[in-house]
Amino acid sequence: MNTSTPPAGDPDAAIDESTPACVLVFNASDPSGAGGLSADIATIASVGGHALPVVTGAYIRDTSEIFDHAAFDDDAVTEQARSVLEDVPVQVIKVGFVGDPENLSSVAEISSDYPEVPVVAYMPNLSWWQEDRIDSYLDAFQELVLPQTSVLVGNHSTLWRWLLPDWSSERAPSARDIAAAASEQGVPYTLVTGIPLPDQHVDNVLASPQTVLAHVQFELFDAVFTGAGDTLSAALAALLATGMDLGEACTEALSYLDRCLDDGFRPGMGHVIPDRLFWAQPEDDGSSDNDDSPDTDDPLSGFVIPPHDTKH
């Protein structure tokens, strides 16, 4: 899956091997920094890639809940993507929440022009939205985007309700059951997360209709997280873009997510956000410095930013 597309304006352009792998991302802006493009950019950079973020709209939200979403015009989405694709070789396309069926149509049209570029598609929980808009969005996603999707990523309950709405068995569908439903729309691989297990554990399974390719189990954290799905799907897309094998990329992406959650933080009064740059935090060497007095030799010592009280 290590393919790359030369810019449309220069089909013979050579790719500089020192340049990070580039991932074209379609997603909404998230002002809380919990998910959306904020999560994608930080995650892709953290695992060594370069994000090419296409803004498809904006969430109106805080760290607790999503209140609404404002979608961009589909022409604006198309022009953003076309402009960068004519300039930068792209190794993987990641599709997050794009807001409406018109934008899904734009994403599908663009990705169909680059059939050799793998597509990682993430389906978030849309229960915050109006029911009629959910139905039209899911129908359009299923018809337009899934046929071009290389790997579908989503929570077990979300994918179950979407892809197997008439499931009647007393047992919950397995990852292979969900992968089989996705494959009917053309998806070869599905990464199903959050499958309930005994003793406060969950399983995360990469499956095809025929087999399980990889799985990683997590112990549940005693916290509510926001942005885990975007983090996982972005990490998977970036690792695939570097040329990593699908099974290995999936295992690495899940391990990365586990560390992000383990070091998660609560910036506001709402949910915990994964720390996508956990590796950049300074290590605690156990030493303590009780000398809080300013360094008198430093001319900036004690400098305090004044309050913003500009008079108009």
C-alpha atoms as a PDB file:
ATOM      1  CA  MET A   1       0.000   0.000   0.000  1.00  0.00           C
ATOM      2  CA  ASN A   2       3.047   2.229  -0.385  1.00  0.00           C
ATOM      3  CA  THR A   3       1.827   4.079  -3.466  1.00  0.00           C
ATOM      4  CA  SER A   4       2.232   7.713  -4.301  1.00  0.00           C
ATOM      5  CA  THR A   5       0.675   9.995  -6.873  1.00  0.00           C
ATOM      6  CA  PRO A   6       2.765  12.614  -8.641  1.00  0.00           C
ATOM      7  CA  PRO A   7       1.206  16.057  -8.794  1.00  0.00           C
ATOM      8  CA  ALA A   8      -1.334  16.334 -11.592  1.00  0.00           C
ATOM      9  CA  GLY A   9       0.675  19.125 -13.193  1.00  0.00           C
ATOM     10  CA  ASP A  10       3.919  17.092 -13.260  1.00  0.00           C
ATOM     11  CA  PRO A  11       3.272  13.346 -13.647  1.00  0.00           C
ATOM     12  CA  ASP A  12       6.972  12.505 -13.813  1.00  0.00           C
ATOM     13  CA  ALA A  13       7.936  14.402 -10.666  1.00  0.00           C
ATOM     14  CA  ALA A  14      10.379  12.537  -8.453  1.00  0.00           C
ATOM     15  CA  ILE A  15       9.559  12.199  -4.768  1.00  0.00           C
ATOM     16  CA  ASP A  16      12.280  13.333  -2.368  1.00  0.00           C
ATOM     17  CA  GLU A  17      12.803  10.427   0.024  1.00  0.00           C
ATOM     18  CA  SER A  18      13.734  12.865   2.796  1.00  0.00           C
ATOM     19  CA  THR A  19      10.257  14.413   2.622  1.00  0.00           C
ATOM     20  CA  PRO A  20       7.732  13.043   5.151  1.00  0.00           C
ATOM     21  CA  ALA A  21       4.933  10.931   3.721  1.00  0.00           C
ATOM     22  CA  CYS A  22       1.944  13.135   2.912  1.00  0.00           C
ATOM     23  CA  VAL A  23      -1.636  12.365   3.921  1.00  0.00           C
ATOM     24  CA  LEU A  24      -4.523  14.290   2.385  1.00  0.00           C
ATOM     25  CA  VAL A  25      -7.164  14.696   5.115  1.00  0.00           C
ATOM     26  CA  PHE A  26     -10.811  15.610   4.672  1.00  0.00           C
ATOM     27  CA  ASN A  27     -12.304  16.552   8.047  1.00  0.00           C
ATOM     28  CA  ALA A  28     -14.065  19.259  10.015  1.00  0.00           C
ATOM     29  CA  SER A  29     -12.340  21.893  12.130  1.00  0.00           C
ATOM     30  CA  ASP A  30     -12.763  21.319  15.863  1.00  0.00           C
ATOM     31  CA  PRO A  31     -12.359  24.439  18.047  1.00  0.00           C
ATOM     32  CA  SER A  32     -11.882  22.323  21.170  1.00  0.00           C
ATOM     33  CA  GLY A  33      -8.873  20.542  19.691  1.00  0.00           C
ATOM     34  CA  ALA A  34     -10.380  17.210  20.741  1.00  0.00           C
ATOM     35  CA  GLY A  35     -10.938  15.716  17.299  1.00  0.00           C
ATOM     36  CA  GLY A  36     -11.388  16.698  13.673  1.00  0.00           C
ATOM     37  CA  LEU A  37      -8.502  18.283  11.820  1.00  0.00           C
ATOM     38  CA  SER A  38      -6.771  19.235  15.070  1.00  0.00           C
ATOM     39  CA  ALA A  39      -6.437  15.552  15.956  1.00  0.00           C
ATOM     40  CA  ASP A  40      -5.428  14.583  12.423  1.00  0.00           C
ATOM     41  CA  ILE A  41      -2.655  17.155  12.086  1.00  0.00           C
ATOM     42  CA  ALA A  42      -1.123  16.467  15.507  1.00  0.00           C
ATOM     43  CA  THR A  43      -1.340  12.690  15.072  1.00  0.00           C
ATOM     44  CA  ILE A  44       0.085  12.555  11.561  1.00  0.00           C
ATOM     45  CA  ALA A  45       2.972  14.817  12.575  1.00  0.00           C
ATOM     46  CA  SER A  46       3.572  12.766  15.711  1.00  0.00           C
ATOM     47  CA  VAL A  47       4.072   9.525  13.785  1.00  0.00           C
ATOM     48  CA  GLY A  48       6.303  11.157  11.191  1.00  0.00           C
ATOM     49  CA  GLY A  49       3.999  12.207   8.379  1.00  0.00           C
ATOM     50  CA  HIS A  50       2.862  15.511   6.907  1.00  0.00           C
ATOM     51  CA  ALA A  51      -0.845  16.390   6.922  1.00  0.00           C
ATOM     52  CA  LEU A  52      -2.509  18.155   4.009  1.00  0.00           C
ATOM     53  CA  PRO A  53      -5.715  19.262   5.775  1.00  0.00           C
ATOM     54  CA  VAL A  54      -8.795  20.050   3.717  1.00  0.00           C
ATOM     55  CA  VAL A  55     -11.397  21.868   5.830  1.00  0.00           C
ATOM     56  CA  THR A  56     -14.864  20.499   5.095  1.00  0.00           C
ATOM     57  CA  GLY A  57     -16.688  22.509   7.758  1.00  0.00           C
ATOM     58  CA  ALA A  58     -16.574  23.310  11.452  1.00  0.00           C
ATOM     59  CA  TYR A  59     -17.966  21.780  14.604  1.00  0.00           C
ATOM     60  CA  ILE A  60     -19.690  24.014  17.105  1.00  0.00           C
ATOM     61  CA  ARG A  61     -18.626  22.229  20.247  1.00  0.00           C
ATOM     62  CA  ASP A  62     -16.691  22.154  23.497  1.00  0.00           C
ATOM     63  CA  THR A  63     -14.853  19.266  25.130  1.00  0.00           C
ATOM     64  CA  SER A  64     -18.119  17.813  26.452  1.00  0.00           C
ATOM     65  CA  GLU A  65     -20.452  17.716  23.473  1.00  0.00           C
ATOM     66  CA  ILE A  66     -21.128  18.716  19.883  1.00  0.00           C
ATOM     67  CA  PHE A  67     -23.853  21.329  19.553  1.00  0.00           C
ATOM     68  CA  ASP A  68     -23.929  21.695  15.782  1.00  0.00           C
ATOM     69  CA  HIS A  69     -21.885  21.607  12.603  1.00  0.00           C
ATOM     70  CA  ALA A  70     -21.510  24.079   9.746  1.00  0.00           C
ATOM     71  CA  ALA A  71     -20.531  22.504   6.429  1.00  0.00           C
ATOM     72  CA  PHE A  72     -18.385  24.207   3.816  1.00  0.00           C
ATOM     73  CA  ASP A  73     -19.660  24.603   0.276  1.00  0.00           C
ATOM     74  CA  ASP A  74     -18.654  21.550  -1.773  1.00  0.00           C
ATOM     75  CA  ASP A  75     -16.898  23.737  -4.366  1.00  0.00           C
ATOM     76  CA  ALA A  76     -14.663  25.156  -1.635  1.00  0.00           C
ATOM     77  CA  VAL A  77     -13.795  21.633  -0.502  1.00  0.00           C
ATOM     78  CA  THR A  78     -13.021  20.541  -4.055  1.00  0.00           C
ATOM     79  CA  GLU A  79     -10.852  23.555  -4.804  1.00  0.00           C
ATOM     80  CA  GLN A  80      -8.814  23.080  -1.632  1.00  0.00           C
ATOM     81  CA  ALA A  81      -8.083  19.453  -2.463  1.00  0.00           C
ATOM     82  CA  ARG A  82      -7.457  19.933  -6.174  1.00  0.00           C
ATOM     83  CA  SER A  83      -5.020  22.780  -5.526  1.00  0.00           C
ATOM     84  CA  VAL A  84      -2.796  20.774  -3.212  1.00  0.00           C
ATOM     85  CA  LEU A  85      -3.054  17.564  -5.256  1.00  0.00           C
ATOM     86  CA  GLU A  86      -1.675  19.380  -8.285  1.00  0.00           C
ATOM     87  CA  ASP A  87       1.355  20.358  -6.214  1.00  0.00           C
ATOM     88  CA  VAL A  88       2.106  17.626  -3.668  1.00  0.00           C
ATOM     89  CA  PRO A  89       2.417  13.836  -4.106  1.00  0.00           C
ATOM     90  CA  VAL A  90       0.009  12.100  -1.722  1.00  0.00           C
ATOM     91  CA  GLN A  91       0.513   8.607  -0.313  1.00  0.00           C
ATOM     92  CA  VAL A  92      -2.812   8.117   1.531  1.00  0.00           C
ATOM     93  CA  ILE A  93      -6.187   9.873   1.730  1.00  0.00           C
ATOM     94  CA  LYS A  94      -7.995   9.993   5.084  1.00  0.00           C
ATOM     95  CA  VAL A  95     -11.713  10.788   5.230  1.00  0.00           C
ATOM     96  CA  GLY A  96     -13.276  11.938   8.495  1.00  0.00           C
ATOM     97  CA  PHE A  97     -16.570  13.772   9.034  1.00  0.00           C
ATOM     98  CA  VAL A  98     -17.260  16.034   6.044  1.00  0.00           C
ATOM     99  CA  GLY A  99     -20.680  17.371   6.967  1.00  0.00           C
ATOM    100  CA  ASP A 100     -23.110  16.650   4.146  1.00  0.00           C
ATOM    101  CA  PRO A 101     -23.751  14.429   1.098  1.00  0.00           C
ATOM    102  CA  GLU A 102     -22.531  17.124  -1.304  1.00  0.00           C
ATOM    103  CA  ASN A 103     -19.094  17.104   0.319  1.00  0.00           C
ATOM    104  CA  LEU A 104     -19.083  13.308   0.287  1.00  0.00           C
ATOM    105  CA  SER A 105     -19.697  13.494  -3.451  1.00  0.00           C
ATOM    106  CA  SER A 106     -16.714  15.831  -3.812  1.00  0.00           C
ATOM    107  CA  VAL A 107     -14.480  13.516  -1.786  1.00  0.00           C
ATOM    108  CA  ALA A 108     -15.573  10.512  -3.841  1.00  0.00           C
ATOM    109  CA  GLU A 109     -14.955  12.285  -7.125  1.00  0.00           C
ATOM    110  CA  ILE A 110     -11.493  13.405  -6.065  1.00  0.00           C
ATOM    111  CA  SER A 111     -10.401  10.033  -4.686  1.00  0.00           C
ATOM    112  CA  SER A 112     -11.691   8.274  -7.836  1.00  0.00           C
ATOM    113  CA  ASP A 113      -9.178  10.324  -9.838  1.00  0.00           C
ATOM    114  CA  TYR A 114      -6.357   8.795  -7.747  1.00  0.00           C
ATOM    115  CA  PRO A 115      -7.329   5.096  -7.667  1.00  0.00           C
ATOM    116  CA  GLU A 116      -3.823   3.968  -6.680  1.00  0.00           C
ATOM    117  CA  VAL A 117      -3.905   6.019  -3.450  1.00  0.00           C
ATOM    118  CA  PRO A 118      -5.341   4.072  -0.486  1.00  0.00           C
ATOM    119  CA  VAL A 119      -8.294   5.622   1.356  1.00  0.00           C
ATOM    120  CA  VAL A 120      -8.703   5.295   5.140  1.00  0.00           C
ATOM    121  CA  ALA A 121     -12.266   6.251   6.094  1.00  0.00           C
ATOM    122  CA  TYR A 122     -13.409   6.865   9.670  1.00  0.00           C
ATOM    123  CA  MET A 123     -17.067   6.828  10.678  1.00  0.00           C
ATOM    124  CA  PRO A 124     -17.648   8.655  13.994  1.00  0.00           C
ATOM    125  CA  ASN A 125     -20.657   8.420  16.279  1.00  0.00           C
ATOM    126  CA  LEU A 126     -23.241  10.825  14.846  1.00  0.00           C
ATOM    127  CA  SER A 127     -25.859  10.496  17.583  1.00  0.00           C
ATOM    128  CA  TRP A 128     -25.539  14.234  18.380  1.00  0.00           C
ATOM    129  CA  TRP A 129     -26.996  15.096  14.952  1.00  0.00           C
ATOM    130  CA  GLN A 130     -30.585  15.253  13.655  1.00  0.00           C
ATOM    131  CA  GLU A 131     -31.866  11.831  12.652  1.00  0.00           C
ATOM    132  CA  ASP A 132     -32.825  12.769   9.087  1.00  0.00           C
ATOM    133  CA  ARG A 133     -29.385  14.275   8.460  1.00  0.00           C
ATOM    134  CA  ILE A 134     -27.698  11.185   9.893  1.00  0.00           C
ATOM    135  CA  ASP A 135     -29.645   8.937   7.532  1.00  0.00           C
ATOM    136  CA  SER A 136     -28.858  10.981   4.426  1.00  0.00           C
ATOM    137  CA  TYR A 137     -25.182  11.248   5.387  1.00  0.00           C
ATOM    138  CA  LEU A 138     -24.796   7.511   6.043  1.00  0.00           C
ATOM    139  CA  ASP A 139     -26.614   6.598   2.838  1.00  0.00           C
ATOM    140  CA  ALA A 140     -24.365   8.889   0.803  1.00  0.00           C
ATOM    141  CA  PHE A 141     -21.228   7.631   2.551  1.00  0.00           C
ATOM    142  CA  GLN A 142     -22.227   4.042   1.842  1.00  0.00           C
ATOM    143  CA  GLU A 143     -22.967   4.717  -1.811  1.00  0.00           C
ATOM    144  CA  LEU A 144     -20.137   7.114  -2.670  1.00  0.00           C
ATOM    145  CA  VAL A 145     -17.190   6.649  -0.309  1.00  0.00           C
ATOM    146  CA  LEU A 146     -17.231   3.000   0.789  1.00  0.00           C
ATOM    147  CA  PRO A 147     -16.661   1.636  -2.753  1.00  0.00           C
ATOM    148  CA  GLN A 148     -13.334   3.512  -2.771  1.00  0.00           C
ATOM    149  CA  THR A 149     -12.342   2.793   0.835  1.00  0.00           C
ATOM    150  CA  SER A 150      -9.293   0.625   1.501  1.00  0.00           C
ATOM    151  CA  VAL A 151      -9.717   0.473   5.293  1.00  0.00           C
ATOM    152  CA  LEU A 152     -12.871   1.434   7.182  1.00  0.00           C
ATOM    153  CA  VAL A 153     -12.394   2.428  10.847  1.00  0.00           C
ATOM    154  CA  GLY A 154     -15.164   2.707  13.414  1.00  0.00           C
ATOM    155  CA  ASN A 155     -16.463   1.720  16.823  1.00  0.00           C
ATOM    156  CA  HIS A 156     -18.199  -1.642  17.069  1.00  0.00           C
ATOM    157  CA  SER A 157     -21.577  -0.221  18.077  1.00  0.00           C
ATOM    158  CA  THR A 158     -21.456   2.545  15.443  1.00  0.00           C
ATOM    159  CA  LEU A 159     -20.604   0.170  12.595  1.00  0.00           C
ATOM    160  CA  TRP A 160     -23.122  -2.399  13.834  1.00  0.00           C
ATOM    161  CA  ARG A 161     -26.026   0.074  13.765  1.00  0.00           C
ATOM    162  CA  TRP A 162     -24.968   1.404  10.375  1.00  0.00           C
ATOM    163  CA  LEU A 163     -23.962  -1.684   8.390  1.00  0.00           C
ATOM    164  CA  LEU A 164     -26.074  -4.355  10.090  1.00  0.00           C
ATOM    165  CA  PRO A 165     -29.310  -2.572  11.057  1.00  0.00           C
ATOM    166  CA  ASP A 166     -31.356  -5.782  10.697  1.00  0.00           C
ATOM    167  CA  TRP A 167     -29.062  -7.974  12.793  1.00  0.00           C
ATOM    168  CA  SER A 168     -31.335 -10.402  14.646  1.00  0.00           C
ATOM    169  CA  SER A 169     -28.992 -12.888  16.282  1.00  0.00           C
ATOM    170  CA  GLU A 170     -28.819 -13.008  20.075  1.00  0.00           C
ATOM    171  CA  ARG A 171     -25.044 -12.667  19.880  1.00  0.00           C
ATOM    172  CA  ALA A 172     -23.419  -9.395  18.884  1.00  0.00           C
ATOM    173  CA  PRO A 173     -21.867  -9.326  15.408  1.00  0.00           C
ATOM    174  CA  SER A 174     -18.185 -10.134  15.274  1.00  0.00           C
ATOM    175  CA  ALA A 175     -15.580  -8.013  13.542  1.00  0.00           C
ATOM    176  CA  ARG A 176     -15.728 -10.424  10.593  1.00  0.00           C
ATOM    177  CA  ASP A 177     -19.506 -10.026  10.400  1.00  0.00           C
ATOM    178  CA  ILE A 178     -19.097  -6.256  10.184  1.00  0.00           C
ATOM    179  CA  ALA A 179     -16.223  -6.625   7.703  1.00  0.00           C
ATOM    180  CA  ALA A 180     -18.442  -8.846   5.551  1.00  0.00           C
ATOM    181  CA  ALA A 181     -21.158  -6.175   5.515  1.00  0.00           C
ATOM    182  CA  ALA A 182     -18.591  -3.528   4.578  1.00  0.00           C
ATOM    183  CA  SER A 183     -17.133  -5.735   1.857  1.00  0.00           C
ATOM    184  CA  GLU A 184     -20.527  -5.822   0.140  1.00  0.00           C
ATOM    185  CA  GLN A 185     -19.909  -2.112  -0.537  1.00  0.00           C
ATOM    186  CA  GLY A 186     -16.370  -2.765  -1.764  1.00  0.00           C
ATOM    187  CA  VAL A 187     -14.335  -2.340   1.446  1.00  0.00           C
ATOM    188  CA  PRO A 188     -11.565  -4.978   1.688  1.00  0.00           C
ATOM    189  CA  TYR A 189     -10.556  -4.336   5.343  1.00  0.00           C
ATOM    190  CA  THR A 190     -12.372  -3.034   8.403  1.00  0.00           C
ATOM    191  CA  LEU A 191     -10.842  -2.004  11.738  1.00  0.00           C
ATOM    192  CA  VAL A 192     -13.516  -2.492  14.408  1.00  0.00           C
ATOM    193  CA  THR A 193     -12.741  -0.866  17.768  1.00  0.00           C
ATOM    194  CA  GLY A 194     -14.263  -1.098  21.233  1.00  0.00           C
ATOM    195  CA  ILE A 195     -15.593  -4.679  21.052  1.00  0.00           C
ATOM    196  CA  PRO A 196     -16.696  -5.449  24.648  1.00  0.00           C
ATOM    197  CA  LEU A 197     -14.779  -8.158  26.509  1.00  0.00           C
ATOM    198  CA  PRO A 198     -15.068  -9.428  30.099  1.00  0.00           C
ATOM    199  CA  ASP A 199     -13.137  -7.868  32.977  1.00  0.00           C
ATOM    200  CA  GLN A 200     -13.259  -4.278  31.703  1.00  0.00           C
ATOM    201  CA  HIS A 201     -11.362  -4.933  28.479  1.00  0.00           C
ATOM    202  CA  VAL A 202     -12.150  -4.202  24.838  1.00  0.00           C
ATOM    203  CA  ASP A 203     -10.846  -5.759  21.646  1.00  0.00           C
ATOM    204  CA  ASN A 204      -9.833  -3.895  18.502  1.00  0.00           C
ATOM    205  CA  VAL A 205      -9.844  -6.090  15.417  1.00  0.00           C
ATOM    206  CA  LEU A 206      -8.643  -5.617  11.841  1.00  0.00           C
ATOM    207  CA  ALA A 207     -10.666  -8.049   9.753  1.00  0.00           C
ATOM    208  CA  SER A 208     -11.694  -9.073   6.300  1.00  0.00           C
ATOM    209  CA  PRO A 209     -14.746 -11.256   5.647  1.00  0.00           C
ATOM    210  CA  GLN A 210     -12.434 -14.277   5.549  1.00  0.00           C
ATOM    211  CA  THR A 211     -10.081 -13.736   8.475  1.00  0.00           C
ATOM    212  CA  VAL A 212      -8.788 -11.631  11.353  1.00  0.00           C
ATOM    213  CA  LEU A 213      -5.548  -9.937  10.358  1.00  0.00           C
ATOM    214  CA  ALA A 214      -4.653  -8.283  13.667  1.00  0.00           C
ATOM    215  CA  HIS A 215      -6.160  -7.479  17.030  1.00  0.00           C
ATOM    216  CA  VAL A 216      -5.074  -5.604  20.137  1.00  0.00           C
ATOM    217  CA  GLN A 217      -6.863  -5.646  23.481  1.00  0.00           C
ATOM    218  CA  PHE A 218      -7.072  -2.651  25.819  1.00  0.00           C
ATOM    219  CA  GLU A 219      -8.008  -2.363  29.447  1.00  0.00           C
ATOM    220  CA  LEU A 220     -10.700   0.285  29.754  1.00  0.00           C
ATOM    221  CA  PHE A 221      -9.598   3.610  31.210  1.00  0.00           C
ATOM    222  CA  ASP A 222     -11.614   5.191  33.983  1.00  0.00           C
ATOM    223  CA  ALA A 223     -12.353   8.275  31.887  1.00  0.00           C
ATOM    224  CA  VAL A 224     -14.466   9.471  28.969  1.00  0.00           C
ATOM    225  CA  PHE A 225     -12.351  10.394  25.944  1.00  0.00           C
ATOM    226  CA  THR A 226     -13.080  12.578  22.945  1.00  0.00           C
ATOM    227  CA  GLY A 227     -11.072  12.284  19.735  1.00  0.00           C
ATOM    228  CA  ALA A 228      -9.857   8.693  20.022  1.00  0.00           C
ATOM    229  CA  GLY A 229     -11.314   7.614  16.665  1.00  0.00           C
ATOM    230  CA  ASP A 230      -9.782  10.468  14.704  1.00  0.00           C
ATOM    231  CA  THR A 231      -6.467   9.813  16.432  1.00  0.00           C
ATOM    232  CA  LEU A 232      -6.469   6.111  15.546  1.00  0.00           C
ATOM    233  CA  SER A 233      -7.548   6.542  11.929  1.00  0.00           C
ATOM    234  CA  ALA A 234      -5.061   9.364  11.332  1.00  0.00           C
ATOM    235  CA  ALA A 235      -2.222   7.316  12.832  1.00  0.00           C
ATOM    236  CA  LEU A 236      -3.158   4.340  10.657  1.00  0.00           C
ATOM    237  CA  ALA A 237      -3.267   6.523   7.546  1.00  0.00           C
ATOM    238  CA  ALA A 238       0.117   8.089   8.303  1.00  0.00           C
ATOM    239  CA  LEU A 239       1.804   4.773   9.042  1.00  0.00           C
ATOM    240  CA  LEU A 240       0.457   3.286   5.821  1.00  0.00           C
ATOM    241  CA  ALA A 241       1.752   6.356   4.004  1.00  0.00           C
ATOM    242  CA  THR A 242       5.271   5.581   5.231  1.00  0.00           C
ATOM    243  CA  GLY A 243       5.084   2.204   3.512  1.00  0.00           C
ATOM    244  CA  MET A 244       4.314   0.058   6.537  1.00  0.00           C
ATOM    245  CA  ASP A 245       2.443  -3.202   6.025  1.00  0.00           C
ATOM    246  CA  LEU A 246      -1.280  -2.999   6.864  1.00  0.00           C
ATOM    247  CA  GLY A 247      -1.193  -5.465   9.754  1.00  0.00           C
ATOM    248  CA  GLU A 248       1.874  -3.862  11.302  1.00  0.00           C
ATOM    249  CA  ALA A 249       0.478  -0.364  10.750  1.00  0.00           C
ATOM    250  CA  CYS A 250      -2.750  -1.338  12.494  1.00  0.00           C
ATOM    251  CA  THR A 251      -0.929  -2.792  15.500  1.00  0.00           C
ATOM    252  CA  GLU A 252       1.360   0.243  15.736  1.00  0.00           C
ATOM    253  CA  ALA A 253      -1.564   2.671  15.420  1.00  0.00           C
ATOM    254  CA  LEU A 254      -3.471   0.916  18.211  1.00  0.00           C
ATOM    255  CA  SER A 255      -0.398   0.903  20.463  1.00  0.00           C
ATOM    256  CA  TYR A 256       0.087   4.600  19.733  1.00  0.00           C
ATOM    257  CA  LEU A 257      -3.546   5.321  20.636  1.00  0.00           C
ATOM    258  CA  ASP A 258      -3.171   3.397  23.896  1.00  0.00           C
ATOM    259  CA  ARG A 259      -0.234   5.609  24.906  1.00  0.00           C
ATOM    260  CA  CYS A 260      -2.143   8.743  23.868  1.00  0.00           C
ATOM    261  CA  LEU A 261      -5.066   7.731  26.078  1.00  0.00           C
ATOM    262  CA  ASP A 262      -2.816   6.741  28.965  1.00  0.00           C
ATOM    263  CA  ASP A 263      -1.322  10.249  28.932  1.00  0.00           C
ATOM    264  CA  GLY A 264      -4.610  11.981  28.139  1.00  0.00           C
ATOM    265  CA  PHE A 265      -5.432  15.341  29.693  1.00  0.00           C
ATOM    266  CA  ARG A 266      -8.518  17.407  30.461  1.00  0.00           C
ATOM    267  CA  PRO A 267      -8.041  20.971  29.145  1.00  0.00           C
ATOM    268  CA  GLY A 268     -11.516  22.127  30.130  1.00  0.00           C
ATOM    269  CA  MET A 269     -14.499  20.982  32.148  1.00  0.00           C
ATOM    270  CA  GLY A 270     -15.465  18.199  29.747  1.00  0.00           C
ATOM    271  CA  HIS A 271     -13.918  14.987  28.501  1.00  0.00           C
ATOM    272  CA  VAL A 272     -10.314  13.834  28.408  1.00  0.00           C
ATOM    273  CA  ILE A 273      -8.359  14.421  25.184  1.00  0.00           C
ATOM    274  CA  PRO A 274      -5.652  12.000  23.976  1.00  0.00           C
ATOM    275  CA  ASP A 275      -2.145  13.408  24.273  1.00  0.00           C
ATOM    276  CA  ARG A 276      -0.921  12.857  20.717  1.00  0.00           C
ATOM    277  CA  LEU A 277       2.507  14.261  21.606  1.00  0.00           C
ATOM    278  CA  PHE A 278       3.027  12.223  24.771  1.00  0.00           C
ATOM    279  CA  TRP A 279       6.586  11.426  23.715  1.00  0.00           C
ATOM    280  CA  ALA A 280       7.488  15.141  23.753  1.00  0.00           C
ATOM    281  CA  GLN A 281       6.637  15.657  27.414  1.00  0.00           C
ATOM    282  CA  PRO A 282       9.660  16.210  29.694  1.00  0.00           C
ATOM    283  CA  GLU A 283      10.530  13.217  31.822  1.00  0.00           C
ATOM    284  CA  ASP A 284      10.209  13.555  35.587  1.00  0.00           C
ATOM    285  CA  ASP A 285      13.700  12.881  36.946  1.00  0.00           C
ATOM    286  CA  GLY A 286      12.492  13.031  40.524  1.00  0.00           C
ATOM    287  CA  SER A 287      14.499  16.125  41.353  1.00  0.00           C
ATOM    288  CA  SER A 288      12.907  19.205  42.860  1.00  0.00           C
ATOM    289  CA  ASP A 289      13.968  22.798  42.715  1.00  0.00           C
ATOM    290  CA  ASN A 290      12.704  24.874  45.599  1.00  0.00           C
ATOM    291  CA  ASP A 291      14.489  28.004  44.509  1.00  0.00           C
ATOM    292  CA  ASP A 292      11.707  29.986  42.840  1.00  0.00           C
ATOM    293  CA  SER A 293      13.504  33.311  43.043  1.00  0.00           C
ATOM    294  CA  PRO A 294      14.021  35.015  39.690  1.00  0.00           C
ATOM    295  CA  ASP A 295      17.436  35.096  38.095  1.00  0.00           C
ATOM    296  CA  THR A 296      18.555  38.688  38.567  1.00  0.00           C
ATOM    297  CA  ASP A 297      21.104  38.305  35.757  1.00  0.00           C
ATOM    298  CA  ASP A 298      18.333  37.655  33.242  1.00  0.00           C
ATOM    299  CA  PRO A 299      16.975  40.963  31.865  1.00  0.00           C
ATOM    300  CA  LEU A 300      13.612  39.287  31.166  1.00  0.00           C
ATOM    301  CA  SER A 301      13.335  37.725  34.592  1.00  0.00           C
ATOM    302  CA  GLY A 302       9.980  38.454  36.156  1.00  0.00           C
ATOM    303  CA  PHE A 303       8.471  39.759  32.914  1.00  0.00           C
ATOM    304  CA  VAL A 304       4.671  39.600  33.033  1.00  0.00           C
ATOM    305  CA  ILE A 305       2.407  40.004  29.996  1.00  0.00           C
ATOM    306  CA  PRO A 306       0.025  42.898  30.724  1.00  0.00           C
ATOM    307  CA  PRO A 307      -3.738  42.352  30.495  1.00  0.00           C
ATOM    308  CA  HIS A 308      -5.401  42.905  27.161  1.00  0.00           C
ATOM    309  CA  ASP A 309      -7.338  46.096  27.843  1.00  0.00           C
ATOM    310  CA  THR A 310      -6.983  47.917  24.515  1.00  0.00           C
ATOM    311  CA  LYS A 311      -9.029  51.119  24.400  1.00  0.00           C
ATOM    312  CA  HIS A 312     -10.885  51.848  21.164  1.00  0.00           C
END
